[in-house]
N, C-alpha and C. Protein backbone atom coordinates (compact mmCIF):
# COMPACT_ATOMS: atom_id res chain seq x y z
N UNK A 1 99.47 94.07 27.66
CA UNK A 1 98.78 95.33 27.44
C UNK A 1 98.90 95.70 25.97
N UNK A 2 97.78 95.94 25.33
CA UNK A 2 97.78 96.19 23.89
C UNK A 2 97.83 97.67 23.55
N UNK A 3 97.48 98.57 24.49
CA UNK A 3 97.51 100.00 24.23
C UNK A 3 97.98 100.73 25.47
N UNK A 4 98.42 101.97 25.29
CA UNK A 4 98.95 102.76 26.40
C UNK A 4 98.44 104.18 26.25
N UNK A 5 97.85 104.69 27.32
CA UNK A 5 97.33 106.04 27.33
C UNK A 5 98.04 106.83 28.44
N UNK A 6 98.64 107.97 28.08
CA UNK A 6 99.46 108.71 29.02
C UNK A 6 98.64 109.23 30.20
N UNK A 7 97.47 109.79 29.93
CA UNK A 7 96.65 110.31 31.02
C UNK A 7 96.16 109.19 31.94
N UNK A 8 95.86 108.04 31.35
CA UNK A 8 95.46 106.89 32.16
C UNK A 8 96.60 106.44 33.06
N UNK A 9 97.82 106.43 32.52
CA UNK A 9 98.99 106.05 33.32
C UNK A 9 99.13 106.98 34.52
N UNK A 10 99.04 108.29 34.29
CA UNK A 10 99.21 109.25 35.39
C UNK A 10 98.11 109.09 36.43
N UNK A 11 96.89 108.85 35.98
CA UNK A 11 95.79 108.64 36.92
C UNK A 11 96.04 107.39 37.77
N UNK A 12 96.51 106.31 37.13
CA UNK A 12 96.82 105.08 37.87
C UNK A 12 97.95 105.32 38.86
N UNK A 13 98.98 106.07 38.43
CA UNK A 13 100.13 106.32 39.30
C UNK A 13 99.71 107.11 40.53
N UNK A 14 98.95 108.16 40.33
CA UNK A 14 98.53 108.99 41.46
C UNK A 14 97.64 108.22 42.43
N UNK A 15 96.89 107.26 41.91
CA UNK A 15 95.97 106.49 42.75
C UNK A 15 96.64 105.31 43.44
N UNK A 16 97.54 104.60 42.75
CA UNK A 16 98.00 103.29 43.20
C UNK A 16 99.41 103.24 43.76
N UNK A 17 100.21 104.26 43.55
CA UNK A 17 101.56 104.23 44.11
C UNK A 17 101.52 104.51 45.60
N UNK A 18 102.48 103.95 46.33
CA UNK A 18 102.61 104.23 47.75
C UNK A 18 102.85 105.72 47.96
N UNK A 19 102.42 106.24 49.09
CA UNK A 19 102.77 107.60 49.49
C UNK A 19 103.84 107.61 50.57
N UNK A 20 104.12 106.45 51.14
CA UNK A 20 105.19 106.30 52.13
C UNK A 20 105.47 104.82 52.30
N UNK A 21 106.46 104.52 53.14
CA UNK A 21 106.80 103.13 53.42
C UNK A 21 106.55 102.84 54.89
N UNK A 22 106.18 101.60 55.23
CA UNK A 22 106.04 101.26 56.64
C UNK A 22 107.40 101.28 57.33
N UNK A 23 107.41 101.49 58.61
CA UNK A 23 108.67 101.58 59.36
C UNK A 23 109.50 100.32 59.19
N UNK A 24 108.84 99.17 59.06
CA UNK A 24 109.57 97.91 58.92
C UNK A 24 110.42 97.87 57.66
N UNK A 25 110.07 98.67 56.65
CA UNK A 25 110.84 98.67 55.41
C UNK A 25 112.25 99.18 55.60
N UNK A 26 112.50 99.90 56.70
CA UNK A 26 113.81 100.48 56.95
C UNK A 26 114.68 99.61 57.85
N UNK A 27 114.17 98.43 58.23
CA UNK A 27 114.95 97.50 59.04
C UNK A 27 116.03 96.89 58.15
N UNK A 28 117.33 97.19 58.39
CA UNK A 28 118.38 96.73 57.48
C UNK A 28 118.58 95.22 57.48
N UNK A 29 118.05 94.52 58.50
CA UNK A 29 118.22 93.07 58.57
C UNK A 29 117.08 92.30 57.93
N UNK A 30 116.01 92.99 57.56
CA UNK A 30 114.84 92.32 56.97
C UNK A 30 114.99 92.30 55.45
N UNK A 31 114.44 91.28 54.84
CA UNK A 31 114.48 91.18 53.38
C UNK A 31 113.11 91.54 52.82
N UNK A 32 113.03 92.59 52.00
CA UNK A 32 111.73 92.95 51.42
C UNK A 32 111.31 91.95 50.36
N UNK A 33 110.04 92.03 49.99
CA UNK A 33 109.51 91.10 48.99
C UNK A 33 110.17 91.29 47.63
N UNK A 34 110.42 92.54 47.26
CA UNK A 34 110.97 92.83 45.94
C UNK A 34 112.50 92.94 46.01
N UNK A 35 113.13 92.36 45.01
CA UNK A 35 114.59 92.43 44.95
C UNK A 35 115.15 91.41 43.99
N UNK A 36 116.48 91.41 43.88
CA UNK A 36 117.14 90.46 42.99
C UNK A 36 116.83 89.01 43.37
N UNK A 37 116.55 88.78 44.65
CA UNK A 37 116.28 87.42 45.12
C UNK A 37 114.93 86.90 44.65
N UNK A 38 114.04 87.79 44.19
CA UNK A 38 112.67 87.38 43.90
C UNK A 38 112.61 86.30 42.82
N UNK A 39 113.48 86.39 41.83
CA UNK A 39 113.51 85.40 40.76
C UNK A 39 114.53 84.30 41.03
N UNK A 40 115.13 84.33 42.22
CA UNK A 40 116.22 83.40 42.50
C UNK A 40 116.08 82.78 43.89
N UNK A 41 114.90 82.30 44.20
CA UNK A 41 114.71 81.62 45.48
C UNK A 41 115.52 80.32 45.49
N UNK A 42 115.89 79.82 46.68
CA UNK A 42 116.71 78.61 46.76
C UNK A 42 116.06 77.42 46.05
N UNK A 43 116.87 76.64 45.38
CA UNK A 43 116.39 75.43 44.75
C UNK A 43 116.05 74.39 45.82
N UNK A 44 115.34 73.36 45.43
CA UNK A 44 114.97 72.30 46.36
C UNK A 44 116.22 71.70 47.01
N UNK A 45 116.22 71.65 48.32
CA UNK A 45 117.36 71.09 49.04
C UNK A 45 118.39 72.12 49.44
N UNK A 46 118.29 73.35 48.90
CA UNK A 46 119.24 74.39 49.26
C UNK A 46 118.76 75.15 50.49
N UNK A 47 119.70 75.76 51.19
CA UNK A 47 119.38 76.58 52.34
C UNK A 47 119.46 78.05 51.94
N UNK A 48 118.44 78.80 52.27
CA UNK A 48 118.45 80.23 51.95
C UNK A 48 119.56 80.93 52.73
N UNK A 49 120.29 81.80 52.05
CA UNK A 49 121.35 82.58 52.70
C UNK A 49 120.71 83.80 53.35
N UNK A 50 120.88 84.00 54.65
CA UNK A 50 120.28 85.18 55.28
C UNK A 50 120.81 86.46 54.65
N UNK A 51 119.96 87.46 54.48
CA UNK A 51 120.43 88.70 53.86
C UNK A 51 121.40 89.44 54.77
N UNK A 52 122.40 90.08 54.17
CA UNK A 52 123.29 90.94 54.93
C UNK A 52 122.55 92.23 55.27
N UNK A 53 122.95 92.91 56.36
CA UNK A 53 122.32 94.20 56.64
C UNK A 53 122.41 95.12 55.43
N UNK A 54 121.27 95.68 55.05
CA UNK A 54 121.20 96.45 53.81
C UNK A 54 121.66 97.89 54.02
N UNK A 55 122.32 98.43 53.00
CA UNK A 55 122.70 99.83 52.99
C UNK A 55 121.59 100.62 52.28
N UNK A 56 121.04 101.65 52.91
CA UNK A 56 119.90 102.36 52.31
C UNK A 56 120.32 103.27 51.16
N UNK A 57 119.54 103.23 50.10
CA UNK A 57 119.76 104.09 48.94
C UNK A 57 118.40 104.51 48.40
N UNK A 58 118.38 105.55 47.59
CA UNK A 58 117.14 106.03 47.00
C UNK A 58 117.38 106.43 45.57
N UNK A 59 116.39 106.23 44.72
CA UNK A 59 116.48 106.64 43.32
C UNK A 59 115.22 107.39 42.95
N UNK A 60 115.35 108.26 41.95
CA UNK A 60 114.22 108.95 41.37
C UNK A 60 113.97 108.36 40.00
N UNK A 61 112.74 107.93 39.76
CA UNK A 61 112.33 107.44 38.45
C UNK A 61 111.55 108.57 37.77
N UNK A 62 112.21 109.41 36.98
CA UNK A 62 111.53 110.57 36.41
C UNK A 62 110.75 110.21 35.15
N UNK A 63 109.45 110.44 35.18
CA UNK A 63 108.60 110.28 34.02
C UNK A 63 108.51 111.64 33.33
N UNK A 64 108.95 111.69 32.08
CA UNK A 64 109.00 112.96 31.35
C UNK A 64 107.78 113.08 30.45
N UNK A 65 107.04 114.17 30.62
CA UNK A 65 105.85 114.42 29.81
C UNK A 65 106.24 115.26 28.59
N UNK A 66 106.02 114.70 27.40
CA UNK A 66 106.28 115.40 26.16
C UNK A 66 105.01 115.40 25.32
N UNK A 67 105.01 116.19 24.27
CA UNK A 67 103.82 116.30 23.43
C UNK A 67 103.42 114.96 22.82
N UNK A 68 104.41 114.09 22.58
CA UNK A 68 104.12 112.80 21.95
C UNK A 68 104.04 111.65 22.94
N UNK A 69 103.91 111.94 24.23
CA UNK A 69 103.71 110.87 25.19
C UNK A 69 104.59 111.00 26.42
N UNK A 70 104.62 109.92 27.19
CA UNK A 70 105.41 109.85 28.42
C UNK A 70 106.64 108.98 28.20
N UNK A 71 107.75 109.37 28.83
CA UNK A 71 109.02 108.67 28.69
C UNK A 71 109.67 108.54 30.06
N UNK A 72 110.37 107.45 30.27
CA UNK A 72 111.10 107.25 31.52
C UNK A 72 112.56 107.64 31.30
N UNK A 73 113.03 108.55 32.13
CA UNK A 73 114.40 109.04 32.01
C UNK A 73 115.35 108.10 32.76
N UNK A 74 116.39 107.66 32.08
CA UNK A 74 117.38 106.75 32.64
C UNK A 74 118.78 107.26 32.35
N UNK A 75 119.73 106.78 33.13
CA UNK A 75 121.12 107.16 32.92
C UNK A 75 121.97 105.92 32.65
N UNK A 76 123.11 106.15 32.03
CA UNK A 76 124.14 105.12 31.96
C UNK A 76 125.29 105.59 32.84
N UNK A 77 125.61 104.80 33.85
CA UNK A 77 126.64 105.18 34.81
C UNK A 77 128.02 105.19 34.16
N UNK A 78 128.87 106.06 34.63
CA UNK A 78 130.22 106.17 34.10
C UNK A 78 130.98 104.86 34.30
N UNK A 79 131.88 104.56 33.38
CA UNK A 79 132.55 103.26 33.37
C UNK A 79 133.60 103.11 34.47
N UNK A 80 134.06 104.22 35.07
CA UNK A 80 135.11 104.11 36.08
C UNK A 80 134.58 103.96 37.51
N UNK A 81 133.27 104.04 37.69
CA UNK A 81 132.71 103.99 39.05
C UNK A 81 132.93 102.61 39.68
N UNK A 82 133.07 102.60 41.00
CA UNK A 82 133.36 101.35 41.69
C UNK A 82 132.17 100.40 41.71
N UNK A 83 130.96 100.92 41.75
CA UNK A 83 129.76 100.08 41.87
C UNK A 83 128.85 100.30 40.67
N UNK A 84 128.46 99.19 40.03
CA UNK A 84 127.51 99.22 38.92
C UNK A 84 127.99 100.09 37.76
N UNK A 85 129.27 100.06 37.50
CA UNK A 85 129.84 100.90 36.44
C UNK A 85 129.27 100.50 35.08
N UNK A 86 128.95 101.52 34.28
CA UNK A 86 128.48 101.30 32.93
C UNK A 86 127.05 100.82 32.80
N UNK A 87 126.38 100.58 33.91
CA UNK A 87 125.03 100.02 33.86
C UNK A 87 123.97 101.11 33.69
N UNK A 88 122.81 100.68 33.20
CA UNK A 88 121.66 101.57 33.09
C UNK A 88 121.03 101.70 34.48
N UNK A 89 120.73 102.93 34.88
CA UNK A 89 120.24 103.16 36.24
C UNK A 89 119.33 104.38 36.28
N UNK A 90 118.60 104.49 37.37
CA UNK A 90 117.91 105.73 37.69
C UNK A 90 118.89 106.67 38.39
N UNK A 91 118.70 107.98 38.30
CA UNK A 91 119.51 108.86 39.14
C UNK A 91 119.25 108.56 40.60
N UNK A 92 120.32 108.45 41.38
CA UNK A 92 120.14 108.11 42.79
C UNK A 92 121.44 107.70 43.43
N UNK A 93 121.37 107.35 44.70
CA UNK A 93 122.56 106.95 45.42
C UNK A 93 122.25 106.70 46.89
N UNK A 94 123.28 106.65 47.70
CA UNK A 94 123.14 106.34 49.12
C UNK A 94 122.38 107.45 49.85
N UNK A 95 121.61 107.04 50.85
CA UNK A 95 120.92 107.98 51.71
C UNK A 95 121.88 108.43 52.81
N UNK A 96 122.14 109.71 52.87
CA UNK A 96 123.07 110.24 53.86
C UNK A 96 122.37 110.37 55.22
N UNK A 97 123.14 110.36 56.31
CA UNK A 97 122.54 110.53 57.64
C UNK A 97 121.68 111.79 57.70
N UNK A 98 120.47 111.64 58.26
CA UNK A 98 119.57 112.77 58.39
C UNK A 98 118.67 112.99 57.19
N UNK A 99 118.89 112.26 56.10
CA UNK A 99 118.07 112.40 54.90
C UNK A 99 116.93 111.40 54.89
N UNK A 100 115.82 111.79 54.29
CA UNK A 100 114.77 110.85 53.94
C UNK A 100 115.08 110.29 52.55
N UNK A 101 114.44 109.18 52.15
CA UNK A 101 114.64 108.70 50.78
C UNK A 101 114.29 109.76 49.74
N UNK A 102 113.24 110.54 49.97
CA UNK A 102 112.88 111.59 49.02
C UNK A 102 113.97 112.64 48.93
N UNK A 103 114.50 113.07 50.07
CA UNK A 103 115.60 114.04 50.08
C UNK A 103 116.77 113.53 49.25
N UNK A 104 117.14 112.27 49.48
CA UNK A 104 118.30 111.69 48.80
C UNK A 104 118.07 111.56 47.30
N UNK A 105 116.89 111.10 46.92
CA UNK A 105 116.59 110.91 45.50
C UNK A 105 116.63 112.24 44.75
N UNK A 106 116.02 113.27 45.33
CA UNK A 106 116.01 114.58 44.68
C UNK A 106 117.41 115.20 44.65
N UNK A 107 118.17 115.04 45.73
CA UNK A 107 119.54 115.56 45.75
C UNK A 107 120.40 114.90 44.68
N UNK A 108 120.31 113.57 44.60
CA UNK A 108 121.12 112.84 43.63
C UNK A 108 120.72 113.20 42.19
N UNK A 109 119.43 113.36 41.93
CA UNK A 109 118.98 113.72 40.59
C UNK A 109 119.53 115.09 40.18
N UNK A 110 119.58 116.00 41.14
CA UNK A 110 120.14 117.32 40.86
C UNK A 110 121.65 117.24 40.65
N UNK A 111 122.35 116.47 41.48
CA UNK A 111 123.80 116.37 41.37
C UNK A 111 124.23 115.62 40.11
N UNK A 112 123.50 114.56 39.75
CA UNK A 112 123.93 113.71 38.64
C UNK A 112 123.54 114.27 37.27
N UNK A 113 122.32 114.79 37.16
CA UNK A 113 121.84 115.19 35.83
C UNK A 113 121.25 116.60 35.78
N UNK A 114 121.31 117.34 36.89
CA UNK A 114 120.80 118.70 36.88
C UNK A 114 119.29 118.80 36.81
N UNK A 115 118.60 117.77 37.29
CA UNK A 115 117.14 117.80 37.34
C UNK A 115 116.74 118.37 38.70
N UNK A 116 116.29 119.61 38.72
CA UNK A 116 116.00 120.29 39.97
C UNK A 116 114.63 119.88 40.52
N UNK A 117 114.54 119.81 41.85
CA UNK A 117 113.33 119.30 42.49
C UNK A 117 112.11 120.15 42.19
N UNK A 118 112.32 121.44 41.89
CA UNK A 118 111.18 122.30 41.60
C UNK A 118 110.47 121.90 40.31
N UNK A 119 111.16 121.13 39.46
CA UNK A 119 110.58 120.70 38.19
C UNK A 119 109.94 119.32 38.28
N UNK A 120 109.90 118.74 39.47
CA UNK A 120 109.42 117.36 39.63
C UNK A 120 108.18 117.34 40.52
N UNK A 121 107.12 116.75 40.01
CA UNK A 121 105.92 116.47 40.80
C UNK A 121 106.00 115.02 41.27
N UNK A 122 106.02 114.82 42.57
CA UNK A 122 106.13 113.46 43.10
C UNK A 122 104.81 112.74 42.93
N UNK A 123 104.85 111.59 42.24
CA UNK A 123 103.64 110.78 42.01
C UNK A 123 103.45 109.73 43.10
N UNK A 124 104.55 109.24 43.68
CA UNK A 124 104.45 108.22 44.72
C UNK A 124 105.69 107.35 44.76
N UNK A 125 105.61 106.30 45.53
CA UNK A 125 106.76 105.43 45.79
C UNK A 125 106.48 104.01 45.31
N UNK A 126 107.54 103.34 44.91
CA UNK A 126 107.48 101.92 44.63
C UNK A 126 107.91 101.15 45.87
N UNK A 127 107.82 99.83 45.80
CA UNK A 127 108.24 99.00 46.92
C UNK A 127 109.75 99.03 47.06
N UNK A 128 110.27 98.95 48.28
CA UNK A 128 111.73 98.86 48.45
C UNK A 128 112.28 97.67 47.66
N UNK A 129 113.46 97.85 47.11
CA UNK A 129 114.07 96.82 46.25
C UNK A 129 115.44 96.46 46.83
N UNK A 130 115.63 95.18 47.13
CA UNK A 130 116.89 94.69 47.69
C UNK A 130 117.79 94.19 46.56
N UNK A 131 118.99 94.76 46.44
CA UNK A 131 119.91 94.31 45.40
C UNK A 131 120.84 93.22 45.94
N UNK A 132 121.37 92.45 45.03
CA UNK A 132 122.31 91.39 45.42
C UNK A 132 123.63 91.96 45.91
N UNK A 133 123.87 93.26 45.66
CA UNK A 133 125.10 93.90 46.11
C UNK A 133 124.93 94.56 47.47
N UNK A 134 123.76 94.37 48.12
CA UNK A 134 123.60 94.79 49.50
C UNK A 134 122.93 96.11 49.73
N UNK A 135 122.27 96.67 48.73
CA UNK A 135 121.55 97.93 48.90
C UNK A 135 120.06 97.70 49.06
N UNK A 136 119.43 98.45 49.91
CA UNK A 136 117.97 98.54 50.00
C UNK A 136 117.59 99.84 49.31
N UNK A 137 117.01 99.74 48.13
CA UNK A 137 116.73 100.91 47.30
C UNK A 137 115.26 101.32 47.49
N UNK A 138 115.06 102.60 47.76
CA UNK A 138 113.72 103.17 47.89
C UNK A 138 113.44 104.01 46.64
N UNK A 139 112.60 103.49 45.71
CA UNK A 139 112.36 104.19 44.45
C UNK A 139 111.18 105.16 44.56
N UNK A 140 111.36 106.35 44.01
CA UNK A 140 110.34 107.38 44.02
C UNK A 140 110.06 107.79 42.58
N UNK A 141 108.79 107.82 42.21
CA UNK A 141 108.38 108.16 40.85
C UNK A 141 107.94 109.61 40.82
N UNK A 142 108.49 110.37 39.87
CA UNK A 142 108.13 111.77 39.74
C UNK A 142 107.82 112.14 38.31
N UNK A 143 107.01 113.15 38.12
CA UNK A 143 106.65 113.64 36.80
C UNK A 143 107.40 114.93 36.53
N UNK A 144 108.11 114.98 35.41
CA UNK A 144 108.83 116.18 34.98
C UNK A 144 108.35 116.57 33.59
N UNK A 145 108.11 117.83 33.41
CA UNK A 145 107.60 118.30 32.12
C UNK A 145 108.71 118.95 31.31
N UNK A 146 108.76 118.59 30.02
CA UNK A 146 109.77 119.15 29.12
C UNK A 146 109.47 120.63 28.87
N UNK A 147 110.52 121.43 28.54
CA UNK A 147 111.92 121.03 28.40
C UNK A 147 112.61 120.92 29.76
N UNK A 148 113.57 119.99 29.87
CA UNK A 148 114.21 119.73 31.14
C UNK A 148 115.47 120.55 31.36
N UNK A 149 116.21 120.87 30.28
CA UNK A 149 117.45 121.65 30.37
C UNK A 149 118.41 121.01 31.37
N UNK A 150 118.74 119.75 31.13
CA UNK A 150 119.59 119.00 32.04
C UNK A 150 121.05 119.42 31.94
N UNK A 151 121.77 119.20 33.03
CA UNK A 151 123.21 119.43 33.07
C UNK A 151 123.85 118.18 33.69
N UNK A 152 124.47 117.35 32.85
CA UNK A 152 124.94 116.03 33.28
C UNK A 152 126.32 116.12 33.92
N UNK A 153 126.47 115.48 35.08
CA UNK A 153 127.76 115.36 35.75
C UNK A 153 128.52 114.21 35.11
N UNK A 154 129.48 114.53 34.24
CA UNK A 154 130.17 113.52 33.45
C UNK A 154 131.01 112.58 34.32
N UNK A 155 131.36 112.98 35.54
CA UNK A 155 132.14 112.10 36.41
C UNK A 155 131.30 110.89 36.83
N UNK A 156 129.99 111.09 37.01
CA UNK A 156 129.12 110.02 37.47
C UNK A 156 128.28 109.39 36.37
N UNK A 157 127.95 110.17 35.34
CA UNK A 157 126.99 109.73 34.33
C UNK A 157 127.60 109.84 32.94
N UNK A 158 127.61 108.72 32.21
CA UNK A 158 128.14 108.72 30.85
C UNK A 158 127.12 109.22 29.84
N UNK A 159 125.83 108.96 30.13
CA UNK A 159 124.78 109.34 29.17
C UNK A 159 123.45 109.38 29.90
N UNK A 160 122.52 110.14 29.36
CA UNK A 160 121.15 110.18 29.86
C UNK A 160 120.22 110.06 28.67
N UNK A 161 119.16 109.28 28.81
CA UNK A 161 118.29 109.01 27.67
C UNK A 161 116.87 108.74 28.16
N UNK A 162 115.93 108.71 27.24
CA UNK A 162 114.53 108.47 27.57
C UNK A 162 114.02 107.25 26.80
N UNK A 163 113.21 106.46 27.48
CA UNK A 163 112.60 105.27 26.89
C UNK A 163 111.08 105.40 27.00
N UNK A 164 110.34 105.15 25.92
CA UNK A 164 108.88 105.32 25.99
C UNK A 164 108.25 104.43 27.06
N UNK A 165 107.39 105.03 27.88
CA UNK A 165 106.67 104.24 28.87
C UNK A 165 105.75 103.23 28.21
N UNK A 166 105.27 103.54 27.01
CA UNK A 166 104.42 102.57 26.29
C UNK A 166 105.16 101.26 26.05
N UNK A 167 106.47 101.33 25.89
CA UNK A 167 107.29 100.12 25.73
C UNK A 167 107.51 99.44 27.08
N UNK A 168 107.87 100.21 28.09
CA UNK A 168 108.22 99.63 29.39
C UNK A 168 107.02 99.08 30.14
N UNK A 169 105.84 99.64 29.89
CA UNK A 169 104.63 99.16 30.57
C UNK A 169 103.92 98.07 29.79
N UNK A 170 104.55 97.53 28.78
CA UNK A 170 104.00 96.40 28.03
C UNK A 170 104.70 95.14 28.51
N UNK A 171 103.96 94.25 29.16
CA UNK A 171 104.56 93.05 29.76
C UNK A 171 105.25 92.18 28.72
N UNK A 172 104.86 92.29 27.46
CA UNK A 172 105.50 91.50 26.41
C UNK A 172 106.98 91.85 26.26
N UNK A 173 107.39 93.02 26.75
CA UNK A 173 108.78 93.45 26.65
C UNK A 173 109.59 93.15 27.91
N UNK A 174 108.99 92.44 28.86
CA UNK A 174 109.69 92.10 30.10
C UNK A 174 110.29 90.70 29.95
N UNK A 175 111.53 90.65 29.55
CA UNK A 175 112.21 89.38 29.32
C UNK A 175 112.88 88.89 30.60
N UNK A 176 113.12 87.59 30.65
CA UNK A 176 113.90 87.02 31.74
C UNK A 176 115.21 86.48 31.17
N UNK A 177 116.32 87.00 31.66
CA UNK A 177 117.64 86.59 31.20
C UNK A 177 118.39 85.91 32.34
N UNK A 178 119.51 85.29 31.98
CA UNK A 178 120.29 84.53 32.95
C UNK A 178 121.77 84.88 32.81
N UNK A 179 122.48 84.85 33.94
CA UNK A 179 123.93 84.99 33.96
C UNK A 179 124.48 84.15 35.11
N UNK A 180 125.74 83.77 34.97
CA UNK A 180 126.44 83.11 36.06
C UNK A 180 127.00 84.17 36.99
N UNK A 181 126.68 84.06 38.28
CA UNK A 181 127.18 85.02 39.26
C UNK A 181 127.42 84.30 40.57
N UNK A 182 128.66 84.41 41.08
CA UNK A 182 129.06 83.75 42.31
C UNK A 182 128.79 82.25 42.25
N UNK A 183 129.08 81.67 41.08
CA UNK A 183 128.98 80.23 40.91
C UNK A 183 127.59 79.69 40.73
N UNK A 184 126.63 80.58 40.49
CA UNK A 184 125.25 80.11 40.36
C UNK A 184 124.58 80.83 39.19
N UNK A 185 123.68 80.13 38.53
CA UNK A 185 122.92 80.71 37.42
C UNK A 185 121.83 81.61 38.00
N UNK A 186 121.91 82.92 37.72
CA UNK A 186 121.01 83.89 38.29
C UNK A 186 120.05 84.41 37.22
N UNK A 187 118.79 84.57 37.59
CA UNK A 187 117.77 85.06 36.69
C UNK A 187 117.45 86.52 37.03
N UNK A 188 117.13 87.31 36.01
CA UNK A 188 116.80 88.72 36.24
C UNK A 188 115.94 89.23 35.09
N UNK A 189 115.24 90.32 35.33
CA UNK A 189 114.46 90.96 34.27
C UNK A 189 115.38 91.78 33.37
N UNK A 190 115.02 91.82 32.09
CA UNK A 190 115.73 92.66 31.12
C UNK A 190 114.70 93.21 30.15
N UNK A 191 114.90 94.46 29.75
CA UNK A 191 114.00 95.14 28.82
C UNK A 191 114.82 95.87 27.77
N UNK A 192 115.48 95.13 26.88
CA UNK A 192 116.32 95.77 25.87
C UNK A 192 115.48 96.69 24.98
N UNK A 193 115.99 97.89 24.78
CA UNK A 193 115.30 98.86 23.92
C UNK A 193 116.33 99.52 23.01
N UNK A 194 116.17 99.33 21.69
CA UNK A 194 117.12 99.83 20.70
C UNK A 194 118.52 99.36 21.11
N UNK A 195 119.46 100.29 21.35
CA UNK A 195 120.81 99.84 21.71
C UNK A 195 121.06 99.89 23.21
N UNK A 196 119.99 99.98 24.01
CA UNK A 196 120.12 100.06 25.47
C UNK A 196 119.73 98.74 26.10
N UNK A 197 120.55 98.28 27.04
CA UNK A 197 120.26 97.03 27.74
C UNK A 197 119.85 97.38 29.17
N UNK A 198 118.55 97.48 29.38
CA UNK A 198 117.98 97.80 30.69
C UNK A 198 117.77 96.48 31.42
N UNK A 199 118.43 96.28 32.56
CA UNK A 199 118.39 94.97 33.19
C UNK A 199 118.61 95.10 34.70
N UNK A 200 118.54 93.96 35.37
CA UNK A 200 118.87 93.89 36.79
C UNK A 200 117.92 94.68 37.68
N UNK A 201 118.49 95.38 38.66
CA UNK A 201 117.67 96.10 39.62
C UNK A 201 116.80 97.17 38.96
N UNK A 202 117.35 97.86 37.97
CA UNK A 202 116.58 98.89 37.29
C UNK A 202 115.36 98.28 36.61
N UNK A 203 115.56 97.20 35.88
CA UNK A 203 114.44 96.52 35.24
C UNK A 203 113.47 95.95 36.27
N UNK A 204 114.00 95.48 37.40
CA UNK A 204 113.14 94.95 38.46
C UNK A 204 112.24 96.03 39.04
N UNK A 205 112.75 97.25 39.20
CA UNK A 205 111.93 98.34 39.71
C UNK A 205 110.90 98.79 38.67
N UNK A 206 111.28 98.76 37.40
CA UNK A 206 110.30 99.06 36.34
C UNK A 206 109.20 98.00 36.33
N UNK A 207 109.57 96.76 36.53
CA UNK A 207 108.59 95.69 36.62
C UNK A 207 107.63 95.94 37.79
N UNK A 208 108.16 96.40 38.93
CA UNK A 208 107.31 96.72 40.07
C UNK A 208 106.32 97.84 39.74
N UNK A 209 106.77 98.83 38.96
CA UNK A 209 105.88 99.90 38.52
C UNK A 209 104.74 99.33 37.68
N UNK A 210 105.08 98.44 36.77
CA UNK A 210 104.06 97.78 35.95
C UNK A 210 103.07 97.00 36.83
N UNK A 211 103.59 96.23 37.77
CA UNK A 211 102.72 95.40 38.61
C UNK A 211 101.80 96.25 39.46
N UNK A 212 102.28 97.37 39.95
CA UNK A 212 101.44 98.22 40.80
C UNK A 212 100.34 98.90 39.99
N UNK A 213 100.58 99.17 38.71
CA UNK A 213 99.61 99.94 37.95
C UNK A 213 98.75 99.11 37.00
N UNK A 214 99.26 97.97 36.53
CA UNK A 214 98.57 97.27 35.46
C UNK A 214 98.24 95.81 35.73
N UNK A 215 98.78 95.22 36.76
CA UNK A 215 98.54 93.79 36.97
C UNK A 215 97.43 93.56 37.98
């Protein structure tokens, strides 16, 4: 993509994003199309490992509208957390009993960074994303208009920052990196921006946003 137009992005998002998920997406024993496994299918002669029952989680991908364009709001998780410590992530977490993915995503965004649901216009949903750590993540894209007046929960979030959507929606910035994990060379998307290393599930969900709107 050689150019990026904010109004065009919003029009594409409102038209092309999911408005809900099929019931099958909530089956904890099924493996969705999108996930960490997508770039790591079994090599020739290998046997695919059946997925473990997935734990449901939801995240909010807040698109921030500013005078100079659109930006994706991301967090850096606190370093002491048990899961995904120090990593770049969307605000979000586990879906509690009785909650919908939307309920959970909005609750977590309010708890983690003080982004209240009244300030968010829901644009739609991305495809469920299966992580290698056993979560089935339901991503929801929302539009928030500045000023946000955030209040960060320092116990959960070390930092909050914005990355231009013009950068993230340019396929030229979607790199493929490799790491050794559980004795195997694993491939994943990475989108390094300035001093931020956006990678793994977060980058995979951003890639899904690109594919739904621009591919």
